[in-house]
């Protein structure tokens, strides 16, 4: 019994010695860690700021209020971080034509670096960090026009530190509620409350060329709750909500994309010198998939496989009291305008769903608004592309669209544009299904002072080929019971129609049906020469109007349409 108690006592004593030893070692380690951290913090602070200054040839200065290091957890906390550019160095570089296009400045009240892999850094020269978190980052990007013509190939990111490190890996870079300002010749662009998260960030000898990475990360997610921007040198303001970018899924979405005028229609028309329609646009949904972010970063090319635009209104308007057709519109069909963009784009497919399009014109003669509108527009555009190299393989942009004209007749149209044509070659064909002709009084009465009393449009079919100057093709117009009234001039004080002229028009100037009472069916053969000052879609209307005039037998000199 005595031996057993003695053995137990020895075991307890041994356990206490072991625990005390471990506790002592841990305490010594903590004390050593605290001492090393205390000495390491000022060293790192000095070393980091010095390396930034030297690495930028004196251009950048990095300031921080406090830097705390906790070796036990591999944590570095920096307070009041600020990066600024030396104005004297900027002036010197500019005078030497050596100034880079972009100069960066920024500040953050807090930066936290966690999970620093000390052992991997000391033994293998591999820097591993679990996470970097920045709060309320304020970033300013100065864009400069430079005369720097140097063609030196920029260094790869890995080349900047390969003498000191084999790799840099960061698990997560998390930036919350950042503000970005881009300054360019006095025009500032402000983007507020950006959230940015980069996952699996890696810089080594291979990562920059890895196609599965964007800006060295396996995934980048950006969210922006709202963005408002007054477009420079224009009367428009652009705004959007809920922008989200997911690099891994190659996805960009946003809602409530709007381009709204900041002036009244009258003010716009008085100031317009180019005979342009005022635009008021709102799209409820925007979804771009198959987005090639690497192409945009490397080549400044917007490349996507699919774009969906849905639930929108596009309202166009003109005021003919102030706007004149005195500017040539040659070379401004949709394809030519896309080719003139200063941003290269390749969109394989664009789908439209639930779009409403309207055009309103204030008449100079009658001082009234006439409107034509198309509801429930849907369809597909293919090969929306202004990249000339890509267009050598397929130079045609096509659009299959349909909607309800004046909310009644189903209008279908197929457009084909030769994007590389020097004289703007295009074609379009389509049909308008059954509807009542008086629906068009919303535009005929205000603008032409003509009213359609009756008329059944059974079907219209058209097939047109054109270029910058001429259009030709065929036009079929099946209708019956057309009756028209020529109205009293609004300034005369009289109301109603001009009875004799209306009777004359219905008896001698307009065929009330096609085929007529004798069974004769008229197919219009269209040959139309463009008025250079007419914009593209007015040319389309004037071309189709030639077919209407020929099928109805109307004399435009007597009965203007």
Protein backbone atom coordinates (compact mmCIF):
# COMPACT_ATOMS: atom_id res chain seq x y z
CA UNK A 1 0.00 0.00 0.00
CA UNK A 2 2.86 2.34 0.94
CA UNK A 3 4.60 1.61 -2.41
CA UNK A 4 1.45 2.45 -4.34
CA UNK A 5 1.11 5.83 -2.63
CA UNK A 6 4.79 6.52 -3.26
CA UNK A 7 4.41 5.71 -7.00
CA UNK A 8 1.35 7.96 -7.30
CA UNK A 9 3.19 10.76 -5.58
CA UNK A 10 6.10 10.43 -8.00
CA UNK A 11 3.70 10.52 -11.00
CA UNK A 12 1.99 13.68 -9.70
CA UNK A 13 5.35 15.29 -9.09
CA UNK A 14 6.46 14.42 -12.65
CA UNK A 15 3.24 15.80 -14.14
CA UNK A 16 3.64 19.05 -12.21
CA UNK A 17 7.20 19.38 -13.44
CA UNK A 18 6.11 18.84 -17.05
CA UNK A 19 3.22 21.31 -16.80
CA UNK A 20 5.40 23.88 -15.07
CA UNK A 21 8.07 23.44 -17.73
CA UNK A 22 5.55 23.84 -20.55
CA UNK A 23 4.03 26.86 -18.86
CA UNK A 24 7.47 28.37 -18.41
CA UNK A 25 8.35 27.71 -22.05
CA UNK A 26 5.04 29.22 -23.18
CA UNK A 27 5.53 32.23 -20.94
CA UNK A 28 9.07 32.69 -22.17
CA UNK A 29 7.78 32.36 -25.74
CA UNK A 30 5.09 34.94 -25.17
CA UNK A 31 7.55 37.30 -23.54
CA UNK A 32 10.03 36.74 -26.36
CA UNK A 33 7.27 37.23 -28.91
CA UNK A 34 6.23 40.46 -27.22
CA UNK A 35 9.81 41.68 -27.09
CA UNK A 36 10.44 40.74 -30.74
CA UNK A 37 7.14 42.32 -31.77
CA UNK A 38 8.05 45.52 -29.94
CA UNK A 39 11.38 45.70 -31.76
CA UNK A 40 9.99 44.38 -35.06
CA UNK A 41 7.17 46.95 -35.34
CA UNK A 42 9.39 50.04 -35.75
CA UNK A 43 11.76 48.07 -38.00
CA UNK A 44 8.92 47.03 -40.32
CA UNK A 45 7.46 50.53 -40.30
CA UNK A 46 10.79 52.01 -41.36
CA UNK A 47 11.55 49.24 -43.86
CA UNK A 48 8.15 49.40 -45.59
CA UNK A 49 8.12 53.17 -45.98
CA UNK A 50 11.71 53.15 -47.23
CA UNK A 51 11.08 50.41 -49.79
CA UNK A 52 8.01 52.24 -51.17
CA UNK A 53 10.01 55.45 -51.53
CA UNK A 54 13.02 53.77 -53.10
CA UNK A 55 10.99 51.44 -55.32
CA UNK A 56 9.15 54.39 -56.87
CA UNK A 57 12.32 56.44 -57.38
CA UNK A 58 11.11 58.97 -54.83
CA UNK A 59 7.68 59.48 -56.39
CA UNK A 60 5.63 57.93 -53.57
CA UNK A 61 5.68 58.51 -49.85
CA UNK A 62 3.98 56.10 -47.44
CA UNK A 63 2.96 57.36 -43.99
CA UNK A 64 1.35 55.48 -41.11
CA UNK A 65 0.54 56.51 -37.55
CA UNK A 66 0.94 53.14 -35.82
CA UNK A 67 2.10 49.66 -36.78
CA UNK A 68 1.52 46.83 -34.32
CA UNK A 69 2.86 43.30 -34.73
CA UNK A 70 1.64 40.17 -32.95
CA UNK A 71 3.99 37.34 -33.85
CA UNK A 72 1.99 34.73 -31.94
CA UNK A 73 -0.95 35.11 -34.34
CA UNK A 74 0.97 36.47 -37.34
CA UNK A 75 -1.02 39.72 -37.29
CA UNK A 76 0.00 43.22 -38.39
CA UNK A 77 -2.31 46.16 -37.68
CA UNK A 78 -1.66 49.55 -39.30
CA UNK A 79 -3.51 52.72 -38.34
CA UNK A 80 -4.00 55.81 -40.54
CA UNK A 81 -2.21 54.62 -43.66
CA UNK A 82 -1.57 57.23 -46.35
CA UNK A 83 0.11 57.04 -49.78
CA UNK A 84 0.94 60.34 -51.48
CA UNK A 85 2.88 61.48 -54.54
CA UNK A 86 5.67 64.04 -54.34
CA UNK A 87 4.62 67.06 -56.49
CA UNK A 88 8.26 68.00 -57.17
CA UNK A 89 9.01 64.53 -58.57
CA UNK A 90 5.80 64.68 -60.64
CA UNK A 91 6.88 68.00 -62.11
CA UNK A 92 10.36 66.64 -62.85
CA UNK A 93 9.04 63.48 -64.54
CA UNK A 94 6.59 65.53 -66.60
CA UNK A 95 9.37 67.84 -67.82
CA UNK A 96 11.38 64.77 -68.86
CA UNK A 97 8.39 63.16 -70.65
CA UNK A 98 8.76 60.25 -68.23
CA UNK A 99 5.50 60.63 -66.32
CA UNK A 100 3.32 57.56 -66.29
CA UNK A 101 -0.30 57.88 -67.40
CA UNK A 102 -1.68 57.09 -63.94
CA UNK A 103 -0.53 58.32 -60.53
CA UNK A 104 -2.12 56.84 -57.43
CA UNK A 105 -2.82 58.33 -54.02
CA UNK A 106 -4.87 56.87 -51.19
CA UNK A 107 -5.57 56.56 -47.50
CA UNK A 108 -7.26 54.18 -45.07
CA UNK A 109 -7.91 54.50 -41.33
CA UNK A 110 -7.15 50.82 -40.78
CA UNK A 111 -5.33 47.92 -42.46
CA UNK A 112 -5.25 44.49 -40.84
CA UNK A 113 -2.99 41.70 -42.08
CA UNK A 114 -3.69 38.28 -40.53
CA UNK A 115 -2.13 34.83 -40.66
CA UNK A 116 1.38 35.83 -41.68
CA UNK A 117 3.40 32.67 -42.34
CA UNK A 118 6.70 33.45 -40.62
CA UNK A 119 8.24 29.96 -41.04
CA UNK A 120 7.55 29.76 -44.78
CA UNK A 121 8.98 33.24 -45.19
CA UNK A 122 12.20 32.47 -43.29
CA UNK A 123 12.83 28.96 -44.63
CA UNK A 124 11.43 29.05 -48.16
CA UNK A 125 11.18 32.78 -49.05
CA UNK A 126 7.47 32.29 -49.62
CA UNK A 127 5.23 34.98 -48.16
CA UNK A 128 1.82 33.60 -47.14
CA UNK A 129 -0.91 35.79 -45.68
CA UNK A 130 -4.36 34.55 -44.71
CA UNK A 131 -6.15 37.87 -45.19
CA UNK A 132 -5.73 41.57 -45.70
CA UNK A 133 -8.62 43.84 -44.74
CA UNK A 134 -8.93 47.55 -45.50
CA UNK A 135 -11.67 49.78 -44.16
CA UNK A 136 -12.99 53.00 -45.74
CA UNK A 137 -10.24 53.14 -48.37
CA UNK A 138 -10.12 56.47 -50.16
CA UNK A 139 -8.36 56.07 -53.51
CA UNK A 140 -7.51 58.88 -55.96
CA UNK A 141 -6.30 58.04 -59.46
CA UNK A 142 -4.75 60.94 -61.40
CA UNK A 143 -4.79 60.42 -65.16
CA UNK A 144 -2.28 62.48 -67.10
CA UNK A 145 -1.82 63.17 -70.76
CA UNK A 146 1.80 62.37 -71.47
CA UNK A 147 4.19 62.70 -74.39
CA UNK A 148 6.11 59.67 -73.19
CA UNK A 149 6.88 57.67 -76.32
CA UNK A 150 9.03 55.04 -74.65
CA UNK A 151 8.25 51.54 -75.86
CA UNK A 152 9.88 49.70 -73.00
CA UNK A 153 8.03 46.56 -72.08
CA UNK A 154 6.69 46.94 -68.52
CA UNK A 155 8.08 44.55 -65.94
CA UNK A 156 5.98 41.66 -64.79
CA UNK A 157 4.82 41.89 -61.18
CA UNK A 158 6.96 38.89 -60.15
CA UNK A 159 10.11 40.55 -61.49
CA UNK A 160 9.71 43.38 -58.98
CA UNK A 161 10.43 41.18 -55.95
CA UNK A 162 11.85 37.88 -57.26
CA UNK A 163 15.27 38.65 -55.69
CA UNK A 164 13.69 38.63 -52.24
CA UNK A 165 10.67 36.30 -52.55
CA UNK A 166 9.74 33.19 -54.50
CA UNK A 167 6.01 33.84 -54.19
CA UNK A 168 3.35 35.95 -52.54
CA UNK A 169 0.03 34.35 -51.64
CA UNK A 170 -2.93 36.08 -49.96
CA UNK A 171 -6.03 34.09 -49.12
CA UNK A 172 -8.46 37.01 -49.10
CA UNK A 173 -8.14 40.72 -49.82
CA UNK A 174 -11.23 42.39 -48.43
CA UNK A 175 -11.94 46.10 -49.00
CA UNK A 176 -15.15 47.57 -47.62
CA UNK A 177 -16.90 50.81 -48.56
CA UNK A 178 -14.06 52.23 -50.62
CA UNK A 179 -14.32 55.58 -52.42
CA UNK A 180 -12.62 55.98 -55.80
CA UNK A 181 -11.96 59.29 -57.55
CA UNK A 182 -10.51 59.46 -61.07
CA UNK A 183 -9.15 62.90 -61.96
CA UNK A 184 -8.63 63.72 -65.62
CA UNK A 185 -8.04 67.29 -66.83
CA UNK A 186 -10.38 68.82 -64.29
CA UNK A 187 -13.15 66.26 -64.86
CA UNK A 188 -13.61 64.11 -61.78
CA UNK A 189 -15.36 60.76 -61.65
CA UNK A 190 -16.50 59.71 -58.16
CA UNK A 191 -17.49 56.16 -57.26
CA UNK A 192 -18.54 55.64 -53.65
CA UNK A 193 -19.05 52.68 -51.31
CA UNK A 194 -17.34 50.01 -53.42
CA UNK A 195 -16.94 46.58 -51.86
CA UNK A 196 -14.09 44.50 -53.31
CA UNK A 197 -13.07 40.96 -52.44
CA UNK A 198 -10.19 39.08 -54.08
CA UNK A 199 -9.70 35.39 -53.32
CA UNK A 200 -6.62 33.19 -53.72
CA UNK A 201 -4.30 36.03 -54.77
CA UNK A 202 -0.96 34.66 -56.01
CA UNK A 203 2.13 36.23 -57.55
CA UNK A 204 4.86 33.85 -58.66
CA UNK A 205 6.70 33.02 -61.85
CA UNK A 206 3.60 31.60 -63.56
CA UNK A 207 0.49 33.28 -62.11
CA UNK A 208 0.52 36.37 -64.34
CA UNK A 209 0.09 34.20 -67.45
CA UNK A 210 -2.40 31.81 -65.85
CA UNK A 211 -5.67 32.18 -67.83
CA UNK A 212 -7.74 31.11 -64.82
CA UNK A 213 -6.61 34.16 -62.86
CA UNK A 214 -7.66 37.79 -63.20
CA UNK A 215 -5.29 40.35 -61.63
CA UNK A 216 -3.53 37.35 -60.01
CA UNK A 217 -6.72 36.24 -58.21
CA UNK A 218 -8.86 33.14 -58.73
CA UNK A 219 -11.95 35.20 -58.05
CA UNK A 220 -12.81 38.89 -57.81
CA UNK A 221 -16.14 40.16 -56.58
CA UNK A 222 -17.14 43.81 -56.80
CA UNK A 223 -20.38 45.34 -55.61
CA UNK A 224 -21.60 48.91 -55.92
CA UNK A 225 -24.99 49.90 -54.44
CA UNK A 226 -25.46 53.03 -56.55
CA UNK A 227 -23.62 55.14 -59.08
CA UNK A 228 -24.49 58.58 -60.48
CA UNK A 229 -22.46 60.41 -63.09
CA UNK A 230 -23.04 63.58 -65.09
CA UNK A 231 -21.67 62.80 -68.55
CA UNK A 232 -19.12 65.49 -69.52
CA UNK A 233 -20.01 67.87 -72.35
CA UNK A 234 -23.56 66.53 -72.58
CA UNK A 235 -26.99 67.26 -71.05
CA UNK A 236 -27.28 63.71 -69.68
CA UNK A 237 -26.84 62.01 -66.35
CA UNK A 238 -26.09 58.28 -66.06
CA UNK A 239 -27.13 56.28 -63.03
CA UNK A 240 -27.42 52.65 -61.98
CA UNK A 241 -28.05 50.47 -58.94
CA UNK A 242 -26.84 47.16 -57.53
CA UNK A 243 -23.82 46.63 -59.80
CA UNK A 244 -22.20 43.25 -59.16
CA UNK A 245 -19.14 41.78 -60.85
CA UNK A 246 -18.09 38.17 -60.38
CA UNK A 247 -14.82 37.32 -62.14
CA UNK A 248 -14.99 33.58 -61.49
CA UNK A 249 -18.45 33.33 -63.08
CA UNK A 250 -17.60 35.94 -65.78
CA UNK A 251 -20.76 37.78 -64.80
CA UNK A 252 -21.74 41.47 -64.62
CA UNK A 253 -25.21 42.56 -63.51
CA UNK A 254 -26.92 45.82 -62.59
CA UNK A 255 -30.42 47.25 -62.28
CA UNK A 256 -32.17 50.54 -63.00
CA UNK A 257 -29.64 51.64 -65.62
CA UNK A 258 -30.73 55.10 -66.68
CA UNK A 259 -29.60 57.86 -69.04
CA UNK A 260 -31.78 60.86 -68.25
CA UNK A 261 -31.67 64.43 -69.59
CA UNK A 262 -30.89 67.15 -67.06
CA UNK A 263 -32.68 69.81 -69.13
CA UNK A 264 -36.17 70.21 -70.55
CA UNK A 265 -37.00 69.12 -74.08
CA UNK A 266 -37.34 72.76 -75.14
CA UNK A 267 -33.93 73.69 -73.71
CA UNK A 268 -32.36 70.63 -75.33
CA UNK A 269 -33.83 71.52 -78.73
CA UNK A 270 -32.75 75.16 -78.51
CA UNK A 271 -29.16 74.14 -77.72
CA UNK A 272 -28.94 71.26 -80.21
CA UNK A 273 -26.80 71.99 -83.27
CA UNK A 274 -26.63 68.46 -84.68
CA UNK A 275 -30.31 67.55 -85.16
CA UNK A 276 -30.24 64.81 -82.54
CA UNK A 277 -33.15 63.28 -80.67
CA UNK A 278 -33.23 63.80 -76.93
CA UNK A 279 -32.89 60.42 -75.19
CA UNK A 280 -34.60 59.30 -72.00
CA UNK A 281 -33.64 55.69 -71.28
CA UNK A 282 -34.32 53.31 -68.42
CA UNK A 283 -33.49 49.60 -68.29
CA UNK A 284 -34.70 47.52 -65.38
CA UNK A 285 -32.27 44.66 -65.96
CA UNK A 286 -28.73 44.33 -67.34
CA UNK A 287 -26.99 40.94 -67.30
CA UNK A 288 -23.70 40.26 -69.12
CA UNK A 289 -22.34 36.70 -69.13
CA UNK A 290 -19.20 35.17 -70.59
CA UNK A 291 -17.34 38.38 -69.79
CA UNK A 292 -13.61 38.14 -70.60
CA UNK A 293 -12.10 40.31 -67.89
CA UNK A 294 -8.53 39.38 -68.80
CA UNK A 295 -9.08 40.74 -72.33
CA UNK A 296 -10.37 44.01 -70.93
CA UNK A 297 -7.46 44.39 -68.51
CA UNK A 298 -4.82 43.43 -71.07
CA UNK A 299 -6.27 44.84 -74.31
CA UNK A 300 -9.02 47.26 -73.17
CA UNK A 301 -11.51 45.13 -75.11
CA UNK A 302 -15.06 44.55 -73.83
CA UNK A 303 -15.62 40.93 -74.86
CA UNK A 304 -18.73 39.03 -73.76
CA UNK A 305 -20.73 36.09 -75.02
CA UNK A 306 -24.16 37.34 -74.04
CA UNK A 307 -25.92 40.52 -72.89
CA UNK A 308 -29.54 40.66 -71.72
CA UNK A 309 -31.38 44.00 -71.58
CA UNK A 310 -34.91 43.84 -70.21
CA UNK A 311 -37.87 45.76 -68.81
CA UNK A 312 -37.01 49.14 -70.26
CA UNK A 313 -38.32 52.34 -71.78
CA UNK A 314 -36.55 54.28 -74.52
CA UNK A 315 -38.15 57.64 -75.24
CA UNK A 316 -36.83 59.77 -78.10
CA UNK A 317 -38.05 63.27 -78.90
CA UNK A 318 -37.47 66.28 -81.13
CA UNK A 319 -38.87 69.79 -81.29
CA UNK A 320 -39.08 70.98 -84.89
CA UNK A 321 -39.72 74.53 -83.76
CA UNK A 322 -36.03 74.80 -82.95
CA UNK A 323 -34.28 71.80 -84.53
CA UNK A 324 -33.49 71.88 -88.23
CA UNK A 325 -32.32 69.21 -90.63
CA UNK A 326 -29.19 71.07 -91.69
CA UNK A 327 -26.47 68.59 -90.67
CA UNK A 328 -25.41 65.66 -92.84
CA UNK A 329 -26.21 62.25 -91.34
CA UNK A 330 -24.31 60.27 -93.95
CA UNK A 331 -22.17 57.61 -92.25
CA UNK A 332 -24.34 57.42 -89.12
CA UNK A 333 -26.36 54.24 -89.49
CA UNK A 334 -26.30 51.98 -86.38
CA UNK A 335 -23.38 49.89 -87.65
CA UNK A 336 -21.32 52.97 -88.53
CA UNK A 337 -21.96 54.50 -85.11
CA UNK A 338 -20.83 51.29 -83.39
CA UNK A 339 -17.68 51.29 -85.53
CA UNK A 340 -17.03 54.89 -84.43
CA UNK A 341 -17.04 54.00 -80.71
CA UNK A 342 -13.74 54.83 -79.01
CA UNK A 343 -14.17 51.60 -77.01
CA UNK A 344 -13.64 48.25 -78.74
CA UNK A 345 -16.45 45.76 -78.12
CA UNK A 346 -17.29 42.20 -79.17
CA UNK A 347 -20.72 41.00 -78.03
CA UNK A 348 -21.67 37.65 -79.53
CA UNK A 349 -25.35 38.03 -78.70
CA UNK A 350 -27.60 40.74 -77.25
CA UNK A 351 -31.15 39.83 -76.22
CA UNK A 352 -33.92 42.38 -75.67
CA UNK A 353 -37.02 41.61 -73.61
CA UNK A 354 -39.94 43.79 -72.61
CA UNK A 355 -38.71 47.08 -74.14
CA UNK A 356 -40.96 50.00 -75.02
CA UNK A 357 -39.77 52.48 -77.66
CA UNK A 358 -41.44 55.80 -78.43
CA UNK A 359 -40.68 58.79 -80.64
CA UNK A 360 -42.35 62.16 -80.05
CA UNK A 361 -42.04 65.16 -82.31
CA UNK A 362 -43.32 68.69 -81.76
CA UNK A 363 -44.60 70.11 -85.04
CA UNK A 364 -43.26 73.49 -86.13
CA UNK A 365 -46.35 74.22 -88.22
CA UNK A 366 -49.05 73.09 -85.80
CA UNK A 367 -47.18 73.33 -82.46
CA UNK A 368 -48.47 69.90 -81.40
CA UNK A 369 -46.86 66.65 -80.26
CA UNK A 370 -47.20 63.54 -82.40
CA UNK A 371 -46.09 60.18 -81.04
CA UNK A 372 -45.44 56.74 -82.45
CA UNK A 373 -44.63 53.87 -80.11
CA UNK A 374 -43.74 50.18 -80.15
CA UNK A 375 -44.55 47.96 -77.17
CA UNK A 376 -43.25 44.61 -75.92
CA UNK A 377 -40.16 44.71 -78.09
CA UNK A 378 -38.05 41.59 -77.95
CA UNK A 379 -35.40 40.05 -80.14
CA UNK A 380 -31.76 39.26 -80.68
CA UNK A 381 -28.75 41.10 -82.06
CA UNK A 382 -25.76 39.02 -83.16
CA UNK A 383 -22.13 40.00 -83.63
CA UNK A 384 -22.29 43.50 -82.11
CA UNK A 385 -18.67 44.10 -82.91
CA UNK A 386 -16.33 46.93 -83.87
CA UNK A 387 -13.04 45.01 -83.68
CA UNK A 388 -11.77 45.06 -87.27
CA UNK A 389 -9.57 42.00 -86.85
CA UNK A 390 -12.50 39.92 -85.58
CA UNK A 391 -14.81 41.34 -88.27
CA UNK A 392 -12.58 39.88 -91.00
CA UNK A 393 -14.05 36.49 -90.09
CA UNK A 394 -17.64 37.75 -90.05
CA UNK A 395 -18.38 41.35 -90.95
CA UNK A 396 -22.17 41.24 -90.55
CA UNK A 397 -24.21 42.37 -87.56
CA UNK A 398 -27.75 41.03 -87.61
CA UNK A 399 -30.87 41.89 -85.62
CA UNK A 400 -34.13 39.96 -85.38
CA UNK A 401 -36.71 42.16 -83.63
CA UNK A 402 -40.43 42.23 -83.05
CA UNK A 403 -42.91 44.41 -81.20
CA UNK A 404 -46.40 45.84 -81.38
CA UNK A 405 -46.75 49.01 -83.46
CA UNK A 406 -48.97 51.50 -81.60
CA UNK A 407 -49.67 48.65 -79.20
CA UNK A 408 -51.71 46.77 -81.85
CA UNK A 409 -50.06 45.30 -84.95
CA UNK A 410 -47.22 42.79 -84.61
CA UNK A 411 -44.20 44.21 -86.44
CA UNK A 412 -41.31 41.87 -87.28
CA UNK A 413 -38.03 43.01 -88.82
CA UNK A 414 -34.67 41.48 -89.68
CA UNK A 415 -31.74 43.90 -90.16
CA UNK A 416 -28.36 43.04 -91.63
CA UNK A 417 -25.44 45.51 -91.52
CA UNK A 418 -22.06 45.11 -93.21
CA UNK A 419 -19.80 46.53 -90.51
CA UNK A 420 -16.79 46.95 -92.83
CA UNK A 421 -18.66 48.45 -95.77
CA UNK A 422 -17.24 51.83 -96.77
CA UNK A 423 -20.61 53.04 -98.08
CA UNK A 424 -22.73 51.64 -95.24
CA UNK A 425 -24.41 48.67 -96.92
CA UNK A 426 -27.41 47.22 -95.08
CA UNK A 427 -30.69 45.43 -95.66
CA UNK A 428 -33.92 44.89 -93.78
CA UNK A 429 -37.06 42.88 -94.37
CA UNK A 430 -40.13 42.19 -92.32
CA UNK A 431 -43.89 42.36 -91.94
CA UNK A 432 -46.69 44.13 -90.09
CA UNK A 433 -49.68 41.97 -89.13
CA UNK A 434 -53.36 42.96 -88.99
CA UNK A 435 -54.28 46.20 -87.20
CA UNK A 436 -56.60 49.20 -87.48
CA UNK A 437 -55.14 52.15 -89.41
CA UNK A 438 -56.71 54.86 -87.17
CA UNK A 439 -54.20 53.88 -84.47
CA UNK A 440 -51.70 56.07 -86.34
CA UNK A 441 -53.79 59.20 -85.80
CA UNK A 442 -51.66 59.86 -82.70
CA UNK A 443 -48.92 61.00 -85.03
CA UNK A 444 -50.83 61.91 -88.24
CA UNK A 445 -53.21 64.45 -86.69
CA UNK A 446 -50.61 66.47 -84.71
CA UNK A 447 -47.94 66.49 -87.42
CA UNK A 448 -49.85 66.37 -90.75
CA UNK A 449 -53.36 67.53 -89.76
CA UNK A 450 -54.78 64.39 -91.41
CA UNK A 451 -57.08 61.85 -89.78
CA UNK A 452 -57.67 58.26 -90.82
CA UNK A 453 -61.40 57.65 -90.29
CA UNK A 454 -61.18 53.95 -91.07
CA UNK A 455 -58.93 51.36 -92.59
CA UNK A 456 -58.04 47.71 -92.06
CA UNK A 457 -54.37 46.88 -92.46
CA UNK A 458 -54.40 43.19 -93.29
CA UNK A 459 -50.66 42.83 -93.85
CA UNK A 460 -47.55 44.72 -94.91
CA UNK A 461 -44.40 43.00 -96.19
CA UNK A 462 -41.16 44.67 -97.23
CA UNK A 463 -37.67 43.70 -98.40
CA UNK A 464 -35.20 46.59 -98.77
CA UNK A 465 -31.47 46.88 -99.58
CA UNK A 466 -29.62 50.15 -99.16
CA UNK A 467 -26.46 52.12 -98.49
CA UNK A 468 -25.54 55.67 -97.53
CA UNK A 469 -27.23 57.10 -100.63
CA UNK A 470 -29.85 54.80 -102.16
CA UNK A 471 -32.48 52.27 -101.10
CA UNK A 472 -34.43 49.86 -103.26
CA UNK A 473 -36.71 46.88 -102.82
CA UNK A 474 -40.30 45.65 -102.82
CA UNK A 475 -43.28 46.63 -100.68
CA UNK A 476 -46.59 44.74 -100.31
CA UNK A 477 -49.53 46.52 -98.64
CA UNK A 478 -52.82 44.64 -98.21
CA UNK A 479 -55.62 46.86 -96.84
CA UNK A 480 -59.28 47.83 -97.27
CA UNK A 481 -61.85 50.52 -96.33
CA UNK A 482 -59.38 53.38 -96.12
CA UNK A 483 -61.08 56.73 -95.50
CA UNK A 484 -59.22 59.95 -94.71
CA UNK A 485 -60.22 63.39 -93.46
CA UNK A 486 -58.27 66.57 -94.15
CA UNK A 487 -58.76 68.66 -91.01
CA UNK A 488 -59.29 72.35 -90.59
CA UNK A 489 -56.22 74.43 -89.87
CA UNK A 490 -55.97 74.83 -86.08
CA UNK A 491 -55.17 78.54 -86.48
CA UNK A 492 -58.40 79.16 -88.42
CA UNK A 493 -60.54 78.71 -85.32
CA UNK A 494 -62.68 76.15 -87.14
CA UNK A 495 -63.09 72.56 -86.04
CA UNK A 496 -63.73 69.33 -87.88
CA UNK A 497 -62.72 68.41 -91.40
CA UNK A 498 -62.56 70.13 -94.75
CA UNK A 499 -65.51 68.37 -96.34
CA UNK A 500 -64.87 69.04 -100.03
CA UNK A 501 -61.14 68.33 -99.89
CA UNK A 502 -61.74 65.15 -97.85
CA UNK A 503 -64.31 63.96 -100.40
CA UNK A 504 -61.91 64.77 -103.22
CA UNK A 505 -59.08 62.89 -101.54
CA UNK A 506 -61.16 59.76 -100.85
CA UNK A 507 -62.66 59.76 -104.38
CA UNK A 508 -59.68 60.59 -106.56
CA UNK A 509 -56.44 60.67 -104.56
CA UNK A 510 -56.44 57.49 -102.48
CA UNK A 511 -57.33 53.93 -103.42
CA UNK A 512 -59.51 52.64 -100.61
CA UNK A 513 -58.23 49.05 -100.91
CA UNK A 514 -55.44 46.90 -102.31
CA UNK A 515 -56.37 44.81 -104.26
CA UNK A 516 -58.96 47.26 -105.59
CA UNK A 517 -62.57 46.56 -106.53
CA UNK A 518 -61.45 45.15 -109.86
CA UNK A 519 -59.02 42.73 -108.25
CA UNK A 520 -55.93 44.66 -109.33
CA UNK A 521 -53.13 44.21 -106.79
CA UNK A 522 -50.30 46.75 -106.61
CA UNK A 523 -46.80 45.78 -105.51
CA UNK A 524 -44.56 48.77 -105.00
CA UNK A 525 -41.07 48.76 -106.51
CA UNK A 526 -39.08 51.18 -104.39
CA UNK A 527 -36.19 53.34 -105.59
CA UNK A 528 -35.39 56.02 -103.07
CA UNK A 529 -32.51 58.50 -102.97
CA UNK A 530 -31.66 59.73 -99.52
CA UNK A 531 -31.73 63.30 -98.34
CA UNK A 532 -28.27 63.55 -96.70
CA UNK A 533 -29.60 65.45 -93.68
CA UNK A 534 -32.08 62.71 -92.77
CA UNK A 535 -30.98 60.36 -89.95
CA UNK A 536 -30.98 56.62 -90.59
CA UNK A 537 -34.39 55.67 -89.19
CA UNK A 538 -36.05 58.57 -90.98
CA UNK A 539 -34.50 57.18 -94.16
CA UNK A 540 -36.07 53.81 -93.31
CA UNK A 541 -39.46 55.49 -92.82
CA UNK A 542 -39.16 57.56 -96.03
CA UNK A 543 -38.22 54.43 -97.97
CA UNK A 544 -41.26 52.51 -96.69
CA UNK A 545 -43.42 55.59 -97.25
CA UNK A 546 -42.57 55.39 -100.95
CA UNK A 547 -44.15 51.94 -100.93
CA UNK A 548 -47.26 53.24 -99.11
CA UNK A 549 -47.61 56.10 -101.61
CA UNK A 550 -47.34 53.76 -104.60
CA UNK A 551 -49.74 51.14 -103.19
CA UNK A 552 -52.39 53.71 -102.16
CA UNK A 553 -52.01 55.82 -105.31
CA UNK A 554 -51.46 58.96 -103.22
CA UNK A 555 -50.03 62.09 -104.84
CA UNK A 556 -47.67 63.52 -102.19
CA UNK A 557 -47.76 66.95 -103.87
CA UNK A 558 -51.49 67.20 -103.15
CA UNK A 559 -51.83 65.07 -100.01
CA UNK A 560 -48.57 65.35 -98.02
CA UNK A 561 -47.51 62.33 -96.01
